[in-house]
């Protein structure tokens, strides 16, 4: 999504953060959070990774409704040293990366309307907090997110942001992990979506492919519908290790010599777990 502002909006600090002003949320807005929370919390056991489910306890705060970021940050700081900070909307890439590099997660300060329960184009507080914060309570994934932020700042000097963004998309937003021989979801875009929580694991349409860093960073993605390919990491320890052990400068140079891949592509060299039928994507095109 394109950022049109080149400076913080009125009322925001130089780092684009703002007061959450929790008291301004209406009873209806809190009720929307509670509906979404209850629905996903019932659906995700047996689907979400154990790390995400353990982190869900961080969100079980002292009162119903949208979490108070101060209270949430106290619990998160005690677990992994991360904080949640409110921002008025999407922020510039360098600002986003700097927050991650300093263990601050930026969260949108609004929630969807009751008629938008199943789809919202711009991430709201439910996506940002319910989707992301449970994984930030896991020490290994918390380190991965900080490493990603530091890597993002470096990527700006290589003109490679669009390549690195794919790594974020296919791990942090739409990642799958193998646990005890089964596939589980951990990406925030999946766990915060009722429909995709089912689609990502149960539907025959998408590909499910073993994670390979270069392969992921060549692969384009969809921002307006369910994914056509999901990448499966063997573990969060492996994801962190691959990120820390990779020299991204030569990788960026190599990627410039390689063609980008369509979201539905399957290569002969892929570790294919499920070769999708792509029936969902074809039906959407024909609709």
C-alpha atoms as a PDB file:
ATOM      1  CA  UNK A   1       0.000   0.000   0.000  1.00  0.00           C
ATOM      2  CA  UNK A   2       1.346   3.377  -0.945  1.00  0.00           C
ATOM      3  CA  UNK A   3       2.275   5.940   1.680  1.00  0.00           C
ATOM      4  CA  UNK A   4       1.243   9.421   0.589  1.00  0.00           C
ATOM      5  CA  UNK A   5       2.377  11.404   3.627  1.00  0.00           C
ATOM      6  CA  UNK A   6       6.008  12.500   3.839  1.00  0.00           C
ATOM      7  CA  UNK A   7       5.779  13.754   7.408  1.00  0.00           C
ATOM      8  CA  UNK A   8       3.889  12.660  10.535  1.00  0.00           C
ATOM      9  CA  UNK A   9       0.234  13.755  10.541  1.00  0.00           C
ATOM     10  CA  UNK A  10      -0.965  16.344  13.004  1.00  0.00           C
ATOM     11  CA  UNK A  11      -0.941  15.022  16.548  1.00  0.00           C
ATOM     12  CA  UNK A  12       1.688  12.331  15.895  1.00  0.00           C
ATOM     13  CA  UNK A  13       5.228  12.377  17.235  1.00  0.00           C
ATOM     14  CA  UNK A  14       8.322  12.523  15.025  1.00  0.00           C
ATOM     15  CA  UNK A  15       8.414   8.699  14.968  1.00  0.00           C
ATOM     16  CA  UNK A  16       4.751   8.687  13.833  1.00  0.00           C
ATOM     17  CA  UNK A  17       3.455   7.303  17.125  1.00  0.00           C
ATOM     18  CA  UNK A  18       0.442   8.748  18.859  1.00  0.00           C
ATOM     19  CA  UNK A  19      -1.464   8.264  22.096  1.00  0.00           C
ATOM     20  CA  UNK A  20      -3.807   5.318  21.862  1.00  0.00           C
ATOM     21  CA  UNK A  21      -6.447   7.332  23.762  1.00  0.00           C
ATOM     22  CA  UNK A  22      -8.149   4.116  24.779  1.00  0.00           C
ATOM     23  CA  UNK A  23     -11.096   5.901  26.389  1.00  0.00           C
ATOM     24  CA  UNK A  24     -12.266   7.264  23.047  1.00  0.00           C
ATOM     25  CA  UNK A  25     -13.247   3.825  21.706  1.00  0.00           C
ATOM     26  CA  UNK A  26     -17.003   3.358  21.682  1.00  0.00           C
ATOM     27  CA  UNK A  27     -18.978   0.455  23.114  1.00  0.00           C
ATOM     28  CA  UNK A  28     -19.694  -0.689  19.555  1.00  0.00           C
ATOM     29  CA  UNK A  29     -16.006  -0.673  18.668  1.00  0.00           C
ATOM     30  CA  UNK A  30     -15.165  -2.736  21.737  1.00  0.00           C
ATOM     31  CA  UNK A  31     -17.997  -5.114  20.841  1.00  0.00           C
ATOM     32  CA  UNK A  32     -16.526  -5.628  17.358  1.00  0.00           C
ATOM     33  CA  UNK A  33     -13.211  -6.641  18.946  1.00  0.00           C
ATOM     34  CA  UNK A  34     -14.993  -9.067  21.286  1.00  0.00           C
ATOM     35  CA  UNK A  35     -16.913 -10.688  18.412  1.00  0.00           C
ATOM     36  CA  UNK A  36     -13.767 -11.138  16.356  1.00  0.00           C
ATOM     37  CA  UNK A  37     -11.721 -12.326  19.332  1.00  0.00           C
ATOM     38  CA  UNK A  38     -14.274 -14.929  20.429  1.00  0.00           C
ATOM     39  CA  UNK A  39     -14.756 -16.266  16.916  1.00  0.00           C
ATOM     40  CA  UNK A  40     -11.040 -16.697  16.216  1.00  0.00           C
ATOM     41  CA  UNK A  41     -10.135 -17.941  19.698  1.00  0.00           C
ATOM     42  CA  UNK A  42     -12.638 -20.800  19.226  1.00  0.00           C
ATOM     43  CA  UNK A  43     -11.441 -21.626  15.720  1.00  0.00           C
ATOM     44  CA  UNK A  44      -7.667 -21.584  16.130  1.00  0.00           C
ATOM     45  CA  UNK A  45      -6.854 -24.379  18.615  1.00  0.00           C
ATOM     46  CA  UNK A  46      -5.614 -27.235  16.450  1.00  0.00           C
ATOM     47  CA  UNK A  47      -4.937 -24.818  13.591  1.00  0.00           C
ATOM     48  CA  UNK A  48      -2.590 -22.186  14.992  1.00  0.00           C
ATOM     49  CA  UNK A  49       0.961 -22.955  16.071  1.00  0.00           C
ATOM     50  CA  UNK A  50       1.650 -23.690  19.700  1.00  0.00           C
ATOM     51  CA  UNK A  51       3.764 -20.539  19.897  1.00  0.00           C
ATOM     52  CA  UNK A  52       0.838 -18.407  18.759  1.00  0.00           C
ATOM     53  CA  UNK A  53      -1.603 -20.139  21.100  1.00  0.00           C
ATOM     54  CA  UNK A  54       0.745 -19.634  24.058  1.00  0.00           C
ATOM     55  CA  UNK A  55       1.047 -15.977  23.144  1.00  0.00           C
ATOM     56  CA  UNK A  56      -2.721 -15.597  23.069  1.00  0.00           C
ATOM     57  CA  UNK A  57      -2.630 -15.418  26.852  1.00  0.00           C
ATOM     58  CA  UNK A  58      -0.856 -12.053  26.540  1.00  0.00           C
ATOM     59  CA  UNK A  59      -4.065 -10.693  24.991  1.00  0.00           C
ATOM     60  CA  UNK A  60      -6.296 -11.943  27.808  1.00  0.00           C
ATOM     61  CA  UNK A  61      -6.178  -8.663  29.662  1.00  0.00           C
ATOM     62  CA  UNK A  62      -8.113  -7.379  32.644  1.00  0.00           C
ATOM     63  CA  UNK A  63     -11.133  -6.167  30.678  1.00  0.00           C
ATOM     64  CA  UNK A  64     -12.987  -7.040  27.485  1.00  0.00           C
ATOM     65  CA  UNK A  65     -12.723  -4.990  24.325  1.00  0.00           C
ATOM     66  CA  UNK A  66      -9.788  -3.481  22.472  1.00  0.00           C
ATOM     67  CA  UNK A  67      -6.614  -3.943  24.560  1.00  0.00           C
ATOM     68  CA  UNK A  68      -5.094  -0.973  26.315  1.00  0.00           C
ATOM     69  CA  UNK A  69      -1.621  -0.733  24.810  1.00  0.00           C
ATOM     70  CA  UNK A  70       0.008   0.338  28.089  1.00  0.00           C
ATOM     71  CA  UNK A  71      -1.263  -2.755  29.880  1.00  0.00           C
ATOM     72  CA  UNK A  72      -0.497  -4.953  26.883  1.00  0.00           C
ATOM     73  CA  UNK A  73       3.036  -3.594  26.595  1.00  0.00           C
ATOM     74  CA  UNK A  74       3.738  -4.304  30.264  1.00  0.00           C
ATOM     75  CA  UNK A  75       2.954  -7.975  29.732  1.00  0.00           C
ATOM     76  CA  UNK A  76       4.813  -8.134  26.430  1.00  0.00           C
ATOM     77  CA  UNK A  77       7.866  -6.368  27.866  1.00  0.00           C
ATOM     78  CA  UNK A  78       8.006  -8.934  30.646  1.00  0.00           C
ATOM     79  CA  UNK A  79       7.917 -11.746  28.083  1.00  0.00           C
ATOM     80  CA  UNK A  80      10.265 -10.577  25.326  1.00  0.00           C
ATOM     81  CA  UNK A  81      11.071  -6.878  25.725  1.00  0.00           C
ATOM     82  CA  UNK A  82       8.654  -5.710  23.015  1.00  0.00           C
ATOM     83  CA  UNK A  83       6.121  -2.872  23.206  1.00  0.00           C
ATOM     84  CA  UNK A  84       3.041  -2.016  21.156  1.00  0.00           C
ATOM     85  CA  UNK A  85       2.764   1.601  20.015  1.00  0.00           C
ATOM     86  CA  UNK A  86      -0.185   3.275  18.332  1.00  0.00           C
ATOM     87  CA  UNK A  87       0.128   4.939  14.934  1.00  0.00           C
ATOM     88  CA  UNK A  88      -2.580   6.814  13.003  1.00  0.00           C
ATOM     89  CA  UNK A  89      -2.254   4.561   9.950  1.00  0.00           C
ATOM     90  CA  UNK A  90       0.381   3.178   7.599  1.00  0.00           C
ATOM     91  CA  UNK A  91       3.861   4.579   8.210  1.00  0.00           C
ATOM     92  CA  UNK A  92       6.888   5.007   5.891  1.00  0.00           C
ATOM     93  CA  UNK A  93       9.145   1.997   5.449  1.00  0.00           C
ATOM     94  CA  UNK A  94      12.148   3.468   7.284  1.00  0.00           C
ATOM     95  CA  UNK A  95       9.959   4.365  10.259  1.00  0.00           C
ATOM     96  CA  UNK A  96       8.418   0.885  10.328  1.00  0.00           C
ATOM     97  CA  UNK A  97      11.805  -0.838  10.197  1.00  0.00           C
ATOM     98  CA  UNK A  98      13.260   1.410  12.889  1.00  0.00           C
ATOM     99  CA  UNK A  99      10.429   0.528  15.255  1.00  0.00           C
ATOM    100  CA  UNK A 100      10.912  -3.193  14.640  1.00  0.00           C
ATOM    101  CA  UNK A 101      14.680  -2.900  15.079  1.00  0.00           C
ATOM    102  CA  UNK A 102      14.029  -1.368  18.508  1.00  0.00           C
ATOM    103  CA  UNK A 103      11.409  -3.954  19.525  1.00  0.00           C
ATOM    104  CA  UNK A 104       8.416  -1.691  19.034  1.00  0.00           C
ATOM    105  CA  UNK A 105       5.443  -2.965  17.076  1.00  0.00           C
ATOM    106  CA  UNK A 106       3.268  -0.317  15.431  1.00  0.00           C
ATOM    107  CA  UNK A 107      -0.485  -0.926  15.546  1.00  0.00           C
ATOM    108  CA  UNK A 108      -3.297   0.880  13.797  1.00  0.00           C
ATOM    109  CA  UNK A 109      -5.465   2.910  16.140  1.00  0.00           C
ATOM    110  CA  UNK A 110      -8.873   2.069  14.656  1.00  0.00           C
ATOM    111  CA  UNK A 111     -11.084  -0.990  14.288  1.00  0.00           C
ATOM    112  CA  UNK A 112     -13.244  -2.161  11.407  1.00  0.00           C
ATOM    113  CA  UNK A 113     -16.988  -1.576  11.254  1.00  0.00           C
ATOM    114  CA  UNK A 114     -19.487  -4.358  12.097  1.00  0.00           C
ATOM    115  CA  UNK A 115     -20.147  -4.826   8.362  1.00  0.00           C
ATOM    116  CA  UNK A 116     -16.425  -5.427   7.716  1.00  0.00           C
ATOM    117  CA  UNK A 117     -15.875  -8.416   9.991  1.00  0.00           C
ATOM    118  CA  UNK A 118     -14.574 -10.667   7.230  1.00  0.00           C
ATOM    119  CA  UNK A 119     -12.512  -8.305   5.091  1.00  0.00           C
ATOM    120  CA  UNK A 120     -10.691  -5.024   5.526  1.00  0.00           C
ATOM    121  CA  UNK A 121      -8.143  -3.639   3.090  1.00  0.00           C
ATOM    122  CA  UNK A 122      -6.079  -1.604   5.570  1.00  0.00           C
ATOM    123  CA  UNK A 123      -4.818  -3.383   8.712  1.00  0.00           C
ATOM    124  CA  UNK A 124      -6.778  -2.376  11.820  1.00  0.00           C
ATOM    125  CA  UNK A 125      -6.111  -2.907  15.513  1.00  0.00           C
ATOM    126  CA  UNK A 126      -7.559  -6.426  15.420  1.00  0.00           C
ATOM    127  CA  UNK A 127      -5.236  -7.545  12.649  1.00  0.00           C
ATOM    128  CA  UNK A 128      -2.252  -5.799  14.193  1.00  0.00           C
ATOM    129  CA  UNK A 129      -2.776  -6.864  17.802  1.00  0.00           C
ATOM    130  CA  UNK A 130      -4.647 -10.174  17.663  1.00  0.00           C
ATOM    131  CA  UNK A 131      -2.714 -11.260  14.593  1.00  0.00           C
ATOM    132  CA  UNK A 132       0.818 -10.153  15.479  1.00  0.00           C
ATOM    133  CA  UNK A 133       1.217  -9.747  19.231  1.00  0.00           C
ATOM    134  CA  UNK A 134       0.841 -13.410  20.276  1.00  0.00           C
ATOM    135  CA  UNK A 135       3.903 -14.305  18.180  1.00  0.00           C
ATOM    136  CA  UNK A 136       5.847 -11.391  19.681  1.00  0.00           C
ATOM    137  CA  UNK A 137       5.508 -13.152  23.035  1.00  0.00           C
ATOM    138  CA  UNK A 138       7.607 -16.034  21.664  1.00  0.00           C
ATOM    139  CA  UNK A 139      11.307 -15.310  22.338  1.00  0.00           C
ATOM    140  CA  UNK A 140      12.580 -16.800  19.062  1.00  0.00           C
ATOM    141  CA  UNK A 141      10.033 -15.116  16.839  1.00  0.00           C
ATOM    142  CA  UNK A 142      10.497 -11.866  18.745  1.00  0.00           C
ATOM    143  CA  UNK A 143      14.198 -12.003  17.819  1.00  0.00           C
ATOM    144  CA  UNK A 144      13.278 -12.749  14.193  1.00  0.00           C
ATOM    145  CA  UNK A 145      11.088  -9.657  14.025  1.00  0.00           C
ATOM    146  CA  UNK A 146      13.873  -7.476  15.394  1.00  0.00           C
ATOM    147  CA  UNK A 147      16.341  -9.002  12.926  1.00  0.00           C
ATOM    148  CA  UNK A 148      13.890  -8.308  10.115  1.00  0.00           C
ATOM    149  CA  UNK A 149      13.656  -4.667  11.158  1.00  0.00           C
ATOM    150  CA  UNK A 150      17.430  -4.291  11.145  1.00  0.00           C
ATOM    151  CA  UNK A 151      17.596  -6.036   7.777  1.00  0.00           C
ATOM    152  CA  UNK A 152      14.887  -3.758   6.443  1.00  0.00           C
ATOM    153  CA  UNK A 153      16.902  -0.668   7.282  1.00  0.00           C
ATOM    154  CA  UNK A 154      19.891  -2.143   5.451  1.00  0.00           C
ATOM    155  CA  UNK A 155      17.750  -3.094   2.442  1.00  0.00           C
ATOM    156  CA  UNK A 156      16.917   0.546   1.808  1.00  0.00           C
ATOM    157  CA  UNK A 157      20.535   1.091   0.773  1.00  0.00           C
ATOM    158  CA  UNK A 158      20.331  -1.688  -1.815  1.00  0.00           C
ATOM    159  CA  UNK A 159      17.040  -0.682  -3.409  1.00  0.00           C
ATOM    160  CA  UNK A 160      15.791  -4.146  -2.531  1.00  0.00           C
ATOM    161  CA  UNK A 161      12.820  -3.369  -0.338  1.00  0.00           C
ATOM    162  CA  UNK A 162      10.318  -5.046  -2.671  1.00  0.00           C
ATOM    163  CA  UNK A 163      12.285  -8.298  -2.420  1.00  0.00           C
ATOM    164  CA  UNK A 164      12.544  -8.196   1.365  1.00  0.00           C
ATOM    165  CA  UNK A 165       8.852  -7.320   1.649  1.00  0.00           C
ATOM    166  CA  UNK A 166       8.076 -10.742   0.211  1.00  0.00           C
ATOM    167  CA  UNK A 167       9.903 -12.398   3.100  1.00  0.00           C
ATOM    168  CA  UNK A 168       7.714 -10.486   5.565  1.00  0.00           C
ATOM    169  CA  UNK A 169       4.588 -11.322   3.600  1.00  0.00           C
ATOM    170  CA  UNK A 170       5.209 -15.050   3.375  1.00  0.00           C
ATOM    171  CA  UNK A 171       6.381 -15.443   6.977  1.00  0.00           C
ATOM    172  CA  UNK A 172       5.049 -12.780   9.346  1.00  0.00           C
ATOM    173  CA  UNK A 173       1.771 -12.262   7.491  1.00  0.00           C
ATOM    174  CA  UNK A 174       0.997 -15.588   5.810  1.00  0.00           C
ATOM    175  CA  UNK A 175       3.410 -18.177   7.140  1.00  0.00           C
ATOM    176  CA  UNK A 176       2.817 -21.842   7.954  1.00  0.00           C
ATOM    177  CA  UNK A 177       5.006 -23.946  10.244  1.00  0.00           C
ATOM    178  CA  UNK A 178       5.399 -27.702  10.601  1.00  0.00           C
ATOM    179  CA  UNK A 179       4.716 -28.944  14.137  1.00  0.00           C
ATOM    180  CA  UNK A 180       4.754 -32.619  15.091  1.00  0.00           C
ATOM    181  CA  UNK A 181       4.293 -33.577  11.454  1.00  0.00           C
ATOM    182  CA  UNK A 182       1.286 -31.320  10.891  1.00  0.00           C
ATOM    183  CA  UNK A 183       0.959 -27.895   9.293  1.00  0.00           C
ATOM    184  CA  UNK A 184      -0.035 -25.008  11.540  1.00  0.00           C
ATOM    185  CA  UNK A 185      -0.660 -21.333  10.875  1.00  0.00           C
ATOM    186  CA  UNK A 186       1.202 -18.475  12.520  1.00  0.00           C
ATOM    187  CA  UNK A 187       1.020 -15.591  10.037  1.00  0.00           C
ATOM    188  CA  UNK A 188      -1.039 -12.670  11.291  1.00  0.00           C
ATOM    189  CA  UNK A 189      -2.971 -12.299   8.045  1.00  0.00           C
ATOM    190  CA  UNK A 190      -4.226 -15.865   8.455  1.00  0.00           C
ATOM    191  CA  UNK A 191      -4.903 -16.041  12.191  1.00  0.00           C
ATOM    192  CA  UNK A 192      -6.876 -12.783  12.118  1.00  0.00           C
ATOM    193  CA  UNK A 193      -9.032 -13.993   9.196  1.00  0.00           C
ATOM    194  CA  UNK A 194     -11.809 -16.498   9.839  1.00  0.00           C
ATOM    195  CA  UNK A 195     -11.981 -17.580   6.208  1.00  0.00           C
ATOM    196  CA  UNK A 196      -8.248 -17.866   5.573  1.00  0.00           C
ATOM    197  CA  UNK A 197      -7.679 -19.743   8.831  1.00  0.00           C
ATOM    198  CA  UNK A 198      -9.673 -22.543   7.195  1.00  0.00           C
ATOM    199  CA  UNK A 199      -8.544 -22.033   3.596  1.00  0.00           C
ATOM    200  CA  UNK A 200      -4.809 -22.068   4.356  1.00  0.00           C
ATOM    201  CA  UNK A 201      -4.915 -25.548   5.894  1.00  0.00           C
ATOM    202  CA  UNK A 202      -7.984 -27.299   4.472  1.00  0.00           C
ATOM    203  CA  UNK A 203      -8.564 -26.105   0.911  1.00  0.00           C
ATOM    204  CA  UNK A 204      -7.091 -28.026  -2.027  1.00  0.00           C
ATOM    205  CA  UNK A 205      -6.554 -24.851  -4.068  1.00  0.00           C
ATOM    206  CA  UNK A 206      -3.298 -23.288  -2.742  1.00  0.00           C
ATOM    207  CA  UNK A 207       0.231 -24.610  -3.035  1.00  0.00           C
ATOM    208  CA  UNK A 208       2.063 -25.380   0.175  1.00  0.00           C
ATOM    209  CA  UNK A 209       5.812 -25.338  -0.378  1.00  0.00           C
ATOM    210  CA  UNK A 210       8.777 -25.841   1.920  1.00  0.00           C
ATOM    211  CA  UNK A 211      10.467 -22.568   2.835  1.00  0.00           C
ATOM    212  CA  UNK A 212      13.503 -21.480   0.827  1.00  0.00           C
ATOM    213  CA  UNK A 213      14.725 -17.933   1.355  1.00  0.00           C
ATOM    214  CA  UNK A 214      15.664 -17.140  -2.247  1.00  0.00           C
ATOM    215  CA  UNK A 215      12.505 -18.784  -3.587  1.00  0.00           C
ATOM    216  CA  UNK A 216      10.327 -16.735  -1.249  1.00  0.00           C
ATOM    217  CA  UNK A 217      12.015 -13.475  -2.183  1.00  0.00           C
ATOM    218  CA  UNK A 218      11.387 -14.145  -5.892  1.00  0.00           C
ATOM    219  CA  UNK A 219       7.673 -14.780  -5.398  1.00  0.00           C
ATOM    220  CA  UNK A 220       5.032 -12.113  -5.918  1.00  0.00           C
ATOM    221  CA  UNK A 221       1.919 -12.114  -3.740  1.00  0.00           C
ATOM    222  CA  UNK A 222      -1.729 -11.126  -3.643  1.00  0.00           C
ATOM    223  CA  UNK A 223      -2.841  -8.343  -1.323  1.00  0.00           C
ATOM    224  CA  UNK A 224      -6.581  -8.504  -2.025  1.00  0.00           C
ATOM    225  CA  UNK A 225      -7.521 -12.174  -1.608  1.00  0.00           C
ATOM    226  CA  UNK A 226      -6.478 -15.521  -0.184  1.00  0.00           C
ATOM    227  CA  UNK A 227      -2.947 -16.572  -1.036  1.00  0.00           C
ATOM    228  CA  UNK A 228      -2.249 -18.959  -3.901  1.00  0.00           C
ATOM    229  CA  UNK A 229       0.927 -20.266  -2.264  1.00  0.00           C
ATOM    230  CA  UNK A 230       1.929 -20.675   1.377  1.00  0.00           C
ATOM    231  CA  UNK A 231       5.501 -21.358   2.445  1.00  0.00           C
ATOM    232  CA  UNK A 232       6.125 -23.754   5.328  1.00  0.00           C
ATOM    233  CA  UNK A 233       9.014 -23.226   7.722  1.00  0.00           C
ATOM    234  CA  UNK A 234      10.410 -26.238   9.611  1.00  0.00           C
ATOM    235  CA  UNK A 235      10.581 -24.281  12.878  1.00  0.00           C
ATOM    236  CA  UNK A 236      10.938 -20.751  14.210  1.00  0.00           C
ATOM    237  CA  UNK A 237      14.506 -21.522  15.259  1.00  0.00           C
ATOM    238  CA  UNK A 238      15.295 -22.423  11.653  1.00  0.00           C
ATOM    239  CA  UNK A 239      13.656 -19.235  10.371  1.00  0.00           C
ATOM    240  CA  UNK A 240      15.715 -17.091  12.734  1.00  0.00           C
ATOM    241  CA  UNK A 241      18.921 -18.968  11.930  1.00  0.00           C
ATOM    242  CA  UNK A 242      18.435 -18.643   8.160  1.00  0.00           C
ATOM    243  CA  UNK A 243      17.820 -14.925   8.551  1.00  0.00           C
ATOM    244  CA  UNK A 244      20.823 -14.269  10.772  1.00  0.00           C
ATOM    245  CA  UNK A 245      23.201 -16.487   8.783  1.00  0.00           C
ATOM    246  CA  UNK A 246      22.386 -15.028   5.358  1.00  0.00           C
ATOM    247  CA  UNK A 247      24.463 -12.273   3.810  1.00  0.00           C
ATOM    248  CA  UNK A 248      21.679 -10.409   2.053  1.00  0.00           C
ATOM    249  CA  UNK A 249      23.866  -8.122  -0.090  1.00  0.00           C
ATOM    250  CA  UNK A 250      24.959 -10.832  -2.558  1.00  0.00           C
ATOM    251  CA  UNK A 251      21.476 -12.356  -2.363  1.00  0.00           C
ATOM    252  CA  UNK A 252      19.934  -9.065  -3.488  1.00  0.00           C
ATOM    253  CA  UNK A 253      22.439  -8.914  -6.347  1.00  0.00           C
ATOM    254  CA  UNK A 254      21.576 -12.451  -7.433  1.00  0.00           C
ATOM    255  CA  UNK A 255      17.849 -11.784  -7.235  1.00  0.00           C
ATOM    256  CA  UNK A 256      18.252  -8.928  -9.694  1.00  0.00           C
ATOM    257  CA  UNK A 257      19.397 -11.484 -12.277  1.00  0.00           C
ATOM    258  CA  UNK A 258      16.419 -13.793 -11.724  1.00  0.00           C
ATOM    259  CA  UNK A 259      12.854 -13.446 -12.952  1.00  0.00           C
ATOM    260  CA  UNK A 260      10.102 -12.853 -10.458  1.00  0.00           C
ATOM    261  CA  UNK A 261       7.675 -15.735  -9.972  1.00  0.00           C
ATOM    262  CA  UNK A 262       3.904 -15.618 -10.145  1.00  0.00           C
ATOM    263  CA  UNK A 263       2.127 -16.366  -6.858  1.00  0.00           C
ATOM    264  CA  UNK A 264       0.816 -19.707  -8.131  1.00  0.00           C
ATOM    265  CA  UNK A 265       4.121 -20.925  -9.602  1.00  0.00           C
ATOM    266  CA  UNK A 266       5.529 -24.335  -8.731  1.00  0.00           C
ATOM    267  CA  UNK A 267       9.141 -25.102  -9.684  1.00  0.00           C
ATOM    268  CA  UNK A 268      10.721 -28.482 -10.293  1.00  0.00           C
ATOM    269  CA  UNK A 269      13.188 -27.646  -7.505  1.00  0.00           C
ATOM    270  CA  UNK A 270      10.461 -26.860  -4.957  1.00  0.00           C
ATOM    271  CA  UNK A 271       9.872 -28.947  -1.851  1.00  0.00           C
ATOM    272  CA  UNK A 272       6.191 -29.399  -2.661  1.00  0.00           C
ATOM    273  CA  UNK A 273       4.053 -30.387   0.285  1.00  0.00           C
ATOM    274  CA  UNK A 274       0.754 -29.775  -1.508  1.00  0.00           C
ATOM    275  CA  UNK A 275       0.493 -29.006  -5.218  1.00  0.00           C
ATOM    276  CA  UNK A 276      -2.629 -26.875  -5.276  1.00  0.00           C
ATOM    277  CA  UNK A 277      -5.439 -27.189  -7.794  1.00  0.00           C
ATOM    278  CA  UNK A 278      -5.729 -23.379  -8.061  1.00  0.00           C
ATOM    279  CA  UNK A 279      -9.491 -23.912  -8.323  1.00  0.00           C
ATOM    280  CA  UNK A 280     -10.236 -20.976  -6.057  1.00  0.00           C
ATOM    281  CA  UNK A 281      -8.110 -18.582  -8.102  1.00  0.00           C
ATOM    282  CA  UNK A 282      -9.637 -19.767 -11.392  1.00  0.00           C
ATOM    283  CA  UNK A 283     -13.144 -19.378  -9.999  1.00  0.00           C
ATOM    284  CA  UNK A 284     -12.401 -15.836  -8.883  1.00  0.00           C
ATOM    285  CA  UNK A 285     -11.065 -14.949 -12.338  1.00  0.00           C
ATOM    286  CA  UNK A 286     -14.158 -16.360 -13.980  1.00  0.00           C
ATOM    287  CA  UNK A 287     -16.592 -14.682 -11.627  1.00  0.00           C
END
